[in-house]
Amino acid sequence: MKADKSQPIKLVQKNRKAWFKYEIMERIEAGLVLLGSEVKSIREGHVSIQEAYARIKKDGQAWVINMEIAHYAQAGPFNHEPKRPRKLLLNKAELNRLGSKLRERGLTLVPLSLYFKGGFAKLEVALAKGKNIYDKRDTIKKRDNDRELRRRSLKR
């Protein structure tokens, strides 16, 4: 069953640190294999993707690691493990393309946002390269300059 493209997107979590720590090269939308208690916990917003990252394992499967989904209170004994690895749903061509880029260029897969689209949980991952310290300083300087320009324009 396909999700309707016209349905709205409900943002659950955004990884703002990723934009600071990494230079984003390419963004990819991936589905997630989740348990029922995990979906309900995500809908309540009890999830963290700040420390998460994704890997493509030797068997050709993509997994998100370190994404924490808190226990769902009403699940009782059927609850899930909060930091278990979760499988990403990508087609074979995307997996092969990402796998080759990750091996040859020294890039990494970083989650940018978690959202619901058409009733399905989606994770936006990015092919990213780590920034150096001086790149981070440039980012901070640019952000401060932009903030100062906005303040000055509001005073006039």
N, C-alpha and C. Protein backbone atom coordinates (compact mmCIF):
# COMPACT_ATOMS: atom_id res chain seq x y z
N MET A 1 0.84 -1.18 0.00
CA MET A 1 0.00 0.00 0.00
C MET A 1 0.89 1.24 0.00
N LYS A 2 0.68 2.13 -0.93
CA LYS A 2 1.50 3.33 -1.04
C LYS A 2 0.89 4.47 -0.24
N ALA A 3 1.74 5.32 0.29
CA ALA A 3 1.28 6.50 1.00
C ALA A 3 0.86 7.57 -0.01
N ASP A 4 -0.18 8.30 0.33
CA ASP A 4 -0.64 9.38 -0.54
C ASP A 4 0.35 10.53 -0.49
N LYS A 5 0.82 10.98 -1.65
CA LYS A 5 1.84 12.03 -1.73
C LYS A 5 1.32 13.38 -1.22
N SER A 6 -0.01 13.58 -1.25
CA SER A 6 -0.56 14.88 -0.86
C SER A 6 -0.73 15.02 0.65
N GLN A 7 -0.49 13.94 1.39
CA GLN A 7 -0.68 14.01 2.83
C GLN A 7 0.42 14.85 3.47
N PRO A 8 0.08 15.56 4.54
CA PRO A 8 1.07 16.44 5.17
C PRO A 8 2.16 15.67 5.91
N ILE A 9 3.26 16.37 6.11
CA ILE A 9 4.39 15.81 6.85
C ILE A 9 4.34 16.36 8.26
N LYS A 10 4.44 15.45 9.25
CA LYS A 10 4.44 15.85 10.66
C LYS A 10 5.85 15.63 11.21
N LEU A 11 6.57 16.74 11.40
CA LEU A 11 7.94 16.67 11.91
C LEU A 11 7.93 16.27 13.37
N VAL A 12 8.75 15.29 13.73
CA VAL A 12 8.84 14.81 15.10
C VAL A 12 10.13 15.31 15.76
N GLN A 13 11.25 15.16 15.06
CA GLN A 13 12.55 15.53 15.62
C GLN A 13 13.46 16.03 14.52
N LYS A 14 14.26 17.04 14.83
CA LYS A 14 15.22 17.59 13.88
C LYS A 14 16.60 17.59 14.54
N ASN A 15 17.61 17.21 13.79
CA ASN A 15 18.98 17.16 14.31
C ASN A 15 19.71 18.43 13.88
N ARG A 16 19.61 19.47 14.69
CA ARG A 16 20.22 20.75 14.33
C ARG A 16 21.74 20.71 14.46
N LYS A 17 22.27 19.86 15.31
CA LYS A 17 23.72 19.76 15.48
C LYS A 17 24.40 19.22 14.23
N ALA A 18 23.67 18.43 13.45
CA ALA A 18 24.27 17.84 12.25
C ALA A 18 24.69 18.92 11.26
N TRP A 19 23.90 19.99 11.15
CA TRP A 19 24.24 21.08 10.23
C TRP A 19 25.48 21.83 10.69
N PHE A 20 25.76 21.81 11.99
CA PHE A 20 26.94 22.47 12.53
C PHE A 20 28.18 21.59 12.42
N LYS A 21 28.02 20.29 12.73
CA LYS A 21 29.15 19.37 12.76
C LYS A 21 29.58 18.87 11.39
N TYR A 22 28.64 18.83 10.44
CA TYR A 22 28.94 18.20 9.15
C TYR A 22 28.61 19.12 7.98
N GLU A 23 29.30 18.89 6.90
CA GLU A 23 28.98 19.54 5.62
C GLU A 23 28.09 18.55 4.88
N ILE A 24 26.84 18.92 4.64
CA ILE A 24 25.85 18.03 4.05
C ILE A 24 26.03 17.98 2.54
N MET A 25 26.23 16.78 2.00
CA MET A 25 26.45 16.59 0.57
C MET A 25 25.15 16.23 -0.17
N GLU A 26 24.43 15.25 0.39
CA GLU A 26 23.26 14.71 -0.29
C GLU A 26 22.26 14.22 0.77
N ARG A 27 20.97 14.44 0.51
CA ARG A 27 19.93 14.03 1.46
C ARG A 27 19.08 12.92 0.86
N ILE A 28 18.72 11.93 1.71
CA ILE A 28 17.96 10.77 1.27
C ILE A 28 16.85 10.49 2.28
N GLU A 29 15.65 10.18 1.78
CA GLU A 29 14.54 9.80 2.65
C GLU A 29 14.49 8.28 2.74
N ALA A 30 14.42 7.76 3.98
CA ALA A 30 14.39 6.31 4.18
C ALA A 30 13.27 5.96 5.14
N GLY A 31 12.65 4.83 4.89
CA GLY A 31 11.65 4.31 5.83
C GLY A 31 12.36 3.60 6.97
N LEU A 32 11.60 3.28 8.01
CA LEU A 32 12.17 2.61 9.18
C LEU A 32 11.35 1.36 9.50
N VAL A 33 12.02 0.31 9.95
CA VAL A 33 11.34 -0.88 10.44
C VAL A 33 11.22 -0.70 11.95
N LEU A 34 9.98 -0.53 12.43
CA LEU A 34 9.74 -0.25 13.84
C LEU A 34 8.73 -1.22 14.43
N LEU A 35 8.77 -1.36 15.74
CA LEU A 35 7.75 -2.10 16.48
C LEU A 35 6.60 -1.15 16.82
N GLY A 36 5.46 -1.70 17.18
CA GLY A 36 4.29 -0.89 17.49
C GLY A 36 4.52 0.08 18.64
N SER A 37 5.20 -0.39 19.70
CA SER A 37 5.45 0.48 20.85
C SER A 37 6.40 1.61 20.47
N GLU A 38 7.30 1.36 19.52
CA GLU A 38 8.22 2.40 19.07
C GLU A 38 7.48 3.48 18.30
N VAL A 39 6.56 3.09 17.44
CA VAL A 39 5.79 4.06 16.67
C VAL A 39 4.98 4.95 17.60
N LYS A 40 4.35 4.36 18.59
CA LYS A 40 3.53 5.14 19.53
C LYS A 40 4.39 6.09 20.35
N SER A 41 5.57 5.65 20.73
CA SER A 41 6.48 6.51 21.48
C SER A 41 6.98 7.67 20.61
N ILE A 42 7.25 7.40 19.34
CA ILE A 42 7.69 8.45 18.42
C ILE A 42 6.57 9.47 18.23
N ARG A 43 5.33 8.99 18.07
CA ARG A 43 4.19 9.91 17.90
C ARG A 43 4.05 10.86 19.09
N GLU A 44 4.42 10.39 20.28
CA GLU A 44 4.39 11.24 21.47
C GLU A 44 5.62 12.15 21.55
N GLY A 45 6.60 11.96 20.68
CA GLY A 45 7.78 12.80 20.65
C GLY A 45 8.90 12.35 21.56
N HIS A 46 8.85 11.12 22.05
CA HIS A 46 9.87 10.61 22.96
C HIS A 46 10.97 9.89 22.19
N VAL A 47 11.71 10.68 21.41
CA VAL A 47 12.77 10.12 20.58
C VAL A 47 13.92 11.12 20.49
N SER A 48 15.13 10.60 20.32
CA SER A 48 16.30 11.45 20.17
C SER A 48 17.18 10.91 19.04
N ILE A 49 17.50 11.78 18.08
CA ILE A 49 18.39 11.38 16.98
C ILE A 49 19.70 12.17 17.02
N GLN A 50 19.95 12.88 18.11
CA GLN A 50 21.14 13.73 18.21
C GLN A 50 22.44 12.93 18.13
N GLU A 51 22.50 11.78 18.75
CA GLU A 51 23.73 10.97 18.80
C GLU A 51 23.71 9.83 17.79
N ALA A 52 22.71 9.79 16.93
CA ALA A 52 22.54 8.66 16.02
C ALA A 52 23.40 8.81 14.76
N TYR A 53 23.67 7.68 14.13
CA TYR A 53 24.36 7.64 12.85
C TYR A 53 23.89 6.39 12.12
N ALA A 54 24.15 6.30 10.84
CA ALA A 54 23.71 5.15 10.05
C ALA A 54 24.92 4.44 9.46
N ARG A 55 24.77 3.14 9.23
CA ARG A 55 25.83 2.31 8.67
C ARG A 55 25.21 1.40 7.61
N ILE A 56 26.00 1.06 6.62
CA ILE A 56 25.62 0.02 5.67
C ILE A 56 26.50 -1.18 5.99
N LYS A 57 25.88 -2.25 6.44
CA LYS A 57 26.63 -3.43 6.88
C LYS A 57 27.04 -4.29 5.68
N LYS A 58 27.84 -5.29 5.95
CA LYS A 58 28.37 -6.17 4.91
C LYS A 58 27.28 -6.90 4.13
N ASP A 59 26.15 -7.18 4.79
CA ASP A 59 25.07 -7.90 4.12
C ASP A 59 24.25 -7.00 3.20
N GLY A 60 24.65 -5.72 3.08
CA GLY A 60 23.97 -4.81 2.17
C GLY A 60 22.75 -4.14 2.77
N GLN A 61 22.59 -4.19 4.06
CA GLN A 61 21.46 -3.56 4.73
C GLN A 61 21.92 -2.28 5.43
N ALA A 62 21.05 -1.27 5.45
CA ALA A 62 21.36 -0.02 6.14
C ALA A 62 20.69 -0.04 7.51
N TRP A 63 21.41 0.40 8.51
CA TRP A 63 20.90 0.42 9.89
C TRP A 63 21.19 1.77 10.51
N VAL A 64 20.26 2.25 11.32
CA VAL A 64 20.50 3.45 12.11
C VAL A 64 20.85 2.98 13.52
N ILE A 65 21.93 3.52 14.04
CA ILE A 65 22.47 3.09 15.33
C ILE A 65 22.43 4.26 16.30
N ASN A 66 22.14 3.95 17.56
CA ASN A 66 22.14 4.94 18.65
C ASN A 66 20.93 5.88 18.64
N MET A 67 19.91 5.60 17.84
CA MET A 67 18.69 6.41 17.90
C MET A 67 17.89 5.92 19.10
N GLU A 68 17.62 6.83 20.02
CA GLU A 68 16.95 6.43 21.26
C GLU A 68 15.46 6.73 21.17
N ILE A 69 14.65 5.67 21.31
CA ILE A 69 13.21 5.79 21.39
C ILE A 69 12.82 5.31 22.78
N ALA A 70 12.27 6.21 23.58
CA ALA A 70 11.94 5.90 24.97
C ALA A 70 10.86 4.83 25.05
N HIS A 71 10.80 4.15 26.20
CA HIS A 71 9.76 3.14 26.43
C HIS A 71 8.39 3.78 26.32
N TYR A 72 7.43 3.01 25.80
CA TYR A 72 6.04 3.44 25.73
C TYR A 72 5.36 2.91 26.98
N ALA A 73 4.79 3.80 27.78
CA ALA A 73 4.27 3.44 29.10
C ALA A 73 3.20 2.34 29.05
N GLN A 74 2.31 2.37 28.07
CA GLN A 74 1.21 1.42 28.02
C GLN A 74 1.59 0.07 27.41
N ALA A 75 2.82 -0.11 26.96
CA ALA A 75 3.22 -1.36 26.33
C ALA A 75 3.46 -2.49 27.33
N GLY A 76 3.72 -2.14 28.57
CA GLY A 76 3.92 -3.15 29.60
C GLY A 76 5.10 -4.06 29.30
N PRO A 77 4.90 -5.39 29.39
CA PRO A 77 6.02 -6.32 29.18
C PRO A 77 6.43 -6.45 27.71
N PHE A 78 5.64 -5.89 26.80
CA PHE A 78 5.93 -6.01 25.37
C PHE A 78 6.70 -4.80 24.84
N ASN A 79 7.38 -4.08 25.73
CA ASN A 79 8.10 -2.89 25.34
C ASN A 79 9.36 -3.24 24.55
N HIS A 80 9.94 -2.23 23.93
CA HIS A 80 11.11 -2.40 23.08
C HIS A 80 12.37 -1.95 23.82
N GLU A 81 13.52 -2.30 23.26
CA GLU A 81 14.80 -1.83 23.78
C GLU A 81 15.05 -0.43 23.21
N PRO A 82 15.32 0.58 24.05
CA PRO A 82 15.39 1.97 23.59
C PRO A 82 16.46 2.27 22.54
N LYS A 83 17.64 1.66 22.63
CA LYS A 83 18.74 2.02 21.71
C LYS A 83 19.10 0.90 20.74
N ARG A 84 18.15 0.04 20.42
CA ARG A 84 18.47 -1.06 19.51
C ARG A 84 18.70 -0.53 18.10
N PRO A 85 19.54 -1.20 17.28
CA PRO A 85 19.70 -0.79 15.89
C PRO A 85 18.40 -1.01 15.12
N ARG A 86 18.05 -0.06 14.25
CA ARG A 86 16.82 -0.16 13.47
C ARG A 86 17.15 -0.13 11.99
N LYS A 87 16.48 -0.99 11.25
CA LYS A 87 16.75 -1.13 9.82
C LYS A 87 16.15 0.02 9.04
N LEU A 88 16.94 0.55 8.10
CA LEU A 88 16.47 1.58 7.18
C LEU A 88 16.01 0.92 5.89
N LEU A 89 14.89 1.41 5.36
CA LEU A 89 14.35 0.86 4.13
C LEU A 89 14.77 1.72 2.94
N LEU A 90 15.73 1.23 2.20
CA LEU A 90 16.22 1.88 0.98
C LEU A 90 16.24 0.85 -0.13
N ASN A 91 16.08 1.29 -1.37
CA ASN A 91 16.13 0.31 -2.45
C ASN A 91 17.58 -0.07 -2.74
N LYS A 92 17.75 -1.17 -3.47
CA LYS A 92 19.09 -1.73 -3.70
C LYS A 92 20.02 -0.76 -4.42
N ALA A 93 19.49 0.00 -5.38
CA ALA A 93 20.32 0.96 -6.12
C ALA A 93 20.85 2.05 -5.19
N GLU A 94 19.98 2.55 -4.29
CA GLU A 94 20.42 3.57 -3.32
C GLU A 94 21.47 3.00 -2.39
N LEU A 95 21.25 1.77 -1.91
CA LEU A 95 22.22 1.13 -1.01
C LEU A 95 23.58 0.96 -1.68
N ASN A 96 23.58 0.51 -2.92
CA ASN A 96 24.85 0.32 -3.63
C ASN A 96 25.56 1.65 -3.85
N ARG A 97 24.81 2.67 -4.26
CA ARG A 97 25.40 3.99 -4.52
C ARG A 97 25.96 4.59 -3.24
N LEU A 98 25.18 4.54 -2.15
CA LEU A 98 25.65 5.08 -0.87
C LEU A 98 26.85 4.30 -0.35
N GLY A 99 26.79 2.97 -0.46
CA GLY A 99 27.89 2.13 0.01
C GLY A 99 29.20 2.46 -0.66
N SER A 100 29.15 2.66 -1.98
CA SER A 100 30.39 2.98 -2.69
C SER A 100 30.92 4.36 -2.30
N LYS A 101 30.03 5.33 -2.13
CA LYS A 101 30.47 6.68 -1.72
C LYS A 101 31.05 6.67 -0.32
N LEU A 102 30.45 5.90 0.57
CA LEU A 102 30.94 5.83 1.95
C LEU A 102 32.33 5.19 2.00
N ARG A 103 32.57 4.18 1.19
CA ARG A 103 33.86 3.49 1.20
C ARG A 103 34.98 4.34 0.59
N GLU A 104 34.71 5.00 -0.53
CA GLU A 104 35.80 5.66 -1.23
C GLU A 104 36.11 7.07 -0.74
N ARG A 105 35.16 7.79 -0.23
CA ARG A 105 35.40 9.20 0.10
C ARG A 105 35.54 9.48 1.59
N GLY A 106 35.28 8.51 2.43
CA GLY A 106 35.37 8.75 3.87
C GLY A 106 34.23 9.59 4.40
N LEU A 107 33.05 9.44 3.81
CA LEU A 107 31.87 10.17 4.25
C LEU A 107 31.11 9.34 5.27
N THR A 108 30.08 9.92 5.87
CA THR A 108 29.26 9.22 6.84
C THR A 108 27.79 9.51 6.58
N LEU A 109 26.92 8.68 7.12
CA LEU A 109 25.48 8.89 7.02
C LEU A 109 24.98 9.42 8.35
N VAL A 110 24.36 10.61 8.32
CA VAL A 110 23.90 11.28 9.53
C VAL A 110 22.40 11.53 9.43
N PRO A 111 21.61 11.19 10.46
CA PRO A 111 20.19 11.51 10.42
C PRO A 111 19.96 13.01 10.60
N LEU A 112 19.11 13.59 9.74
CA LEU A 112 18.79 15.02 9.82
C LEU A 112 17.44 15.26 10.50
N SER A 113 16.44 14.46 10.15
CA SER A 113 15.12 14.66 10.74
C SER A 113 14.33 13.36 10.73
N LEU A 114 13.37 13.29 11.65
CA LEU A 114 12.46 12.16 11.77
C LEU A 114 11.06 12.73 11.66
N TYR A 115 10.23 12.14 10.79
CA TYR A 115 8.89 12.68 10.58
C TYR A 115 7.95 11.58 10.12
N PHE A 116 6.65 11.88 10.16
CA PHE A 116 5.64 10.98 9.64
C PHE A 116 5.14 11.54 8.32
N LYS A 117 5.09 10.67 7.32
CA LYS A 117 4.61 11.07 6.00
C LYS A 117 3.62 10.00 5.54
N GLY A 118 2.36 10.40 5.41
CA GLY A 118 1.35 9.45 5.01
C GLY A 118 1.15 8.33 6.01
N GLY A 119 1.38 8.58 7.29
CA GLY A 119 1.21 7.58 8.33
C GLY A 119 2.43 6.71 8.56
N PHE A 120 3.46 6.86 7.75
CA PHE A 120 4.68 6.06 7.90
C PHE A 120 5.81 6.91 8.46
N ALA A 121 6.60 6.31 9.37
CA ALA A 121 7.75 7.01 9.94
C ALA A 121 8.87 7.03 8.91
N LYS A 122 9.43 8.21 8.68
CA LYS A 122 10.53 8.38 7.72
C LYS A 122 11.69 9.05 8.43
N LEU A 123 12.89 8.69 8.03
CA LEU A 123 14.10 9.29 8.56
C LEU A 123 14.86 9.89 7.39
N GLU A 124 15.15 11.17 7.46
CA GLU A 124 15.94 11.81 6.43
C GLU A 124 17.40 11.71 6.85
N VAL A 125 18.19 10.98 6.06
CA VAL A 125 19.61 10.84 6.34
C VAL A 125 20.39 11.61 5.28
N ALA A 126 21.58 12.01 5.65
CA ALA A 126 22.41 12.80 4.74
C ALA A 126 23.78 12.16 4.61
N LEU A 127 24.29 12.21 3.42
CA LEU A 127 25.68 11.85 3.16
C LEU A 127 26.48 13.09 3.54
N ALA A 128 27.33 12.97 4.54
CA ALA A 128 27.98 14.15 5.09
C ALA A 128 29.46 13.93 5.32
N LYS A 129 30.18 15.06 5.34
CA LYS A 129 31.61 15.06 5.62
C LYS A 129 31.83 15.91 6.86
N GLY A 130 32.62 15.42 7.80
CA GLY A 130 32.89 16.15 9.03
C GLY A 130 33.59 17.47 8.78
N LYS A 131 33.18 18.51 9.50
CA LYS A 131 33.83 19.82 9.38
C LYS A 131 35.06 19.87 10.27
N ASN A 132 36.03 20.65 9.85
CA ASN A 132 37.20 20.91 10.67
C ASN A 132 36.86 22.01 11.67
N ILE A 133 37.74 22.23 12.64
CA ILE A 133 37.49 23.24 13.67
C ILE A 133 37.34 24.62 13.06
N TYR A 134 38.18 24.94 12.09
CA TYR A 134 38.11 26.28 11.50
C TYR A 134 36.83 26.45 10.68
N ASP A 135 36.32 25.36 10.10
CA ASP A 135 35.03 25.44 9.40
C ASP A 135 33.90 25.73 10.38
N LYS A 136 33.98 25.12 11.56
CA LYS A 136 32.96 25.37 12.58
C LYS A 136 33.03 26.82 13.05
N ARG A 137 34.25 27.34 13.19
CA ARG A 137 34.40 28.75 13.60
C ARG A 137 33.80 29.67 12.55
N ASP A 138 34.01 29.34 11.27
CA ASP A 138 33.41 30.14 10.19
C ASP A 138 31.89 30.09 10.26
N THR A 139 31.33 28.94 10.56
CA THR A 139 29.88 28.80 10.69
C THR A 139 29.37 29.68 11.82
N ILE A 140 30.05 29.67 12.96
CA ILE A 140 29.65 30.50 14.10
C ILE A 140 29.74 31.97 13.74
N LYS A 141 30.85 32.37 13.09
CA LYS A 141 31.05 33.76 12.71
C LYS A 141 29.96 34.23 11.74
N LYS A 142 29.63 33.41 10.76
CA LYS A 142 28.60 33.76 9.78
C LYS A 142 27.23 33.89 10.46
N ARG A 143 26.93 32.97 11.36
CA ARG A 143 25.65 33.01 12.08
C ARG A 143 25.55 34.28 12.93
N ASP A 144 26.64 34.64 13.62
CA ASP A 144 26.64 35.85 14.44
C ASP A 144 26.49 37.11 13.58
N ASN A 145 27.17 37.14 12.44
CA ASN A 145 27.04 38.29 11.54
C ASN A 145 25.62 38.43 11.00
N ASP A 146 25.02 37.33 10.62
CA ASP A 146 23.63 37.36 10.13
C ASP A 146 22.68 37.86 11.22
N ARG A 147 22.91 37.40 12.43
CA ARG A 147 22.06 37.82 13.56
C ARG A 147 22.20 39.33 13.80
N GLU A 148 23.44 39.83 13.73
CA GLU A 148 23.69 41.26 13.93
C GLU A 148 23.03 42.08 12.83
N LEU A 149 23.11 41.63 11.58
CA LEU A 149 22.45 42.34 10.47
C LEU A 149 20.93 42.39 10.65
N ARG A 150 20.36 41.31 11.12
CA ARG A 150 18.91 41.29 11.37
C ARG A 150 18.53 42.29 12.46
N ARG A 151 19.34 42.35 13.52
CA ARG A 151 19.06 43.29 14.62
C ARG A 151 19.12 44.73 14.13
N ARG A 152 20.14 45.02 13.32
CA ARG A 152 20.29 46.38 12.80
C ARG A 152 19.13 46.76 11.89
N SER A 153 18.68 45.83 11.06
CA SER A 153 17.58 46.12 10.15
C SER A 153 16.26 46.31 10.90
N LEU A 154 16.11 45.67 12.05
CA LEU A 154 14.89 45.83 12.85
C LEU A 154 14.87 47.16 13.60
N LYS A 155 16.05 47.70 13.94
CA LYS A 155 16.12 48.97 14.65
C LYS A 155 15.73 50.14 13.78
N ARG A 156 15.93 50.02 12.48
CA ARG A 156 15.64 51.14 11.55
C ARG A 156 14.21 51.32 11.35
